């Protein structure tokens, strides 16, 4: 297999030269596009430094503007040049001038060979999952965008507002279903040739020229039409903050990137000398690097982003104003909200009640009826199990339940199928302790005897609902004590997950507990989740699908350990 690499660069061309030489040393063919705004002196230095290397090509230069068709045109020009000039190229990898290979190229090539003719491109339908960090989603395909968002922001916003008021709605070309995804992909020659030779290519190009940020949708949409098999994931690690800006990695991120499990990373600071020196040197991976997972670096940066948004309560510093308001307990005593735990552990309720002394209810906010402990129709304080009475004032329902059971901790299950109105109340209540296994609904959905299409539809709805629920619990004004872990994390180490749940309740050291709850089978779950991803569903709450074990080991009494806080 011969790998072709496209490099789109506009700054720090000295680093572009180093990266181009790296790919050339591994026998890859490289097409370099330099933004037309770069001066002739800088461009000439780059040509002089790498132009003589085998397999290096420079493409015609285009003036590139963020969020416009120019970036797609630069990519198409480079890809067509590679396919025409290098007949041995079987795959094309799209990178930027700040994308550094963080695993040796031979590992990447071996990985691609293992997957045969699969195309690696994140491709997500806007109707199912919100992909964009901020900004337009479905409207980017139905409105016109004649002005640059970066250079003419006021005109851009004015044009969008006018079109909304006039009810403008462009028609998507027949046969296309708009998809979004990371612009950093790796496609086979066969798929690219099919895209470029399609009789409808010119008409579709005219359509995408008026789509906002088409480099996140053009190939992502057309690959769905022409690819034989799609692995809906990017080989390049690119993380964005809450404002939609890409994270920049510096030298002190070297260890994090080394153990990330990705093949490339963006975006690397041009002066991160240690990173460039380490990763652009021929080497072999260590045992610890080989055993790492992409979820590791995801979790670290997600935690960092959360801290940046919400800060730390009680910390006063120049860079952040204090959080608004005061911590207030809206219920008489602490109560526990359990999300996803009985899906993983069918016998969880009895075990948890014995370990904590709490009264464990079912889904108090189920749509059809209230499920009190013991399935009784009336509970403490004459609270009824009739859903309509509860939903008249769910906040009062919960506060009354806690008030009337003072002295006995109350716990109840909650999930994306329940009535969600209570979420804001729980989030603002300092008495609430919430534990969430994010994506646990996928395990329950996997075991249902439903057609795949119906499961996919439900998965999209459940994930969207859970994401909105988590956003409220994590909001800056929230006072809730929150513990979250992904389904992948819980299944990789279920014992540690249970210990974390108990520690979250502030148990005293030496609390005696006999046995641990049994685990639901996960056989076939990883394959089911990958099928959902390959069908266009971005499972951002489940964790790394490829790290989920095909089945989970049984937890026996001999596995029990006493733990303290």
Foldseek 3Di string as FASTA:
>chain_A
DEEEEEEEEADLLVLLLLQVVLSLVVVHAYEYEYAPVDDPVVVVVSCVRPVPGPRYHYFDHYHDAFFFCRVVVSVLRRVVCCVVVPVVHFKYWYYYSQKFFLARVVVVVVVDVVVPQAWEAAWFALVQAPDALDDDGVVLQFFFQPDGCVPCVVVRVVRVVVCVVVVGGHDQPPPWGWIFGDLTIMHTPQLSVCQVPPPCNVVNSVSLRRGTRSSGTVCSTSCVVRGPFYQNHHLEAWDAASVRHTDEDALVCSVVSLQQLGRIYPGYDSPRVVNSVVRSDDDHRDPNSVPHYNLSSVVVVVVVRLCVQQPDAPDDDPVDDHQPDDQAAPAPAAAEEEELVCLFFVPQQVQVCLQPVAQEFEACQAQQWGTGRVRDQADFPRDGGGNVVCVVDVLCSVRVVRVRPPPHHYYYYDALNGDLPCLLVQQRHLRYEYEYAWPSVLSVLVPDPDPLVVSLNVSSSRNVSVVVSVCSNSHNNGNYRYHYHAQLVCQVPVVVVVVVVSVSVVDAFPRDGFWDGWTDWQACSLVSVSVSSRVNDDRPRRTDSVSRDNTGDTGTRVNDDGDHD
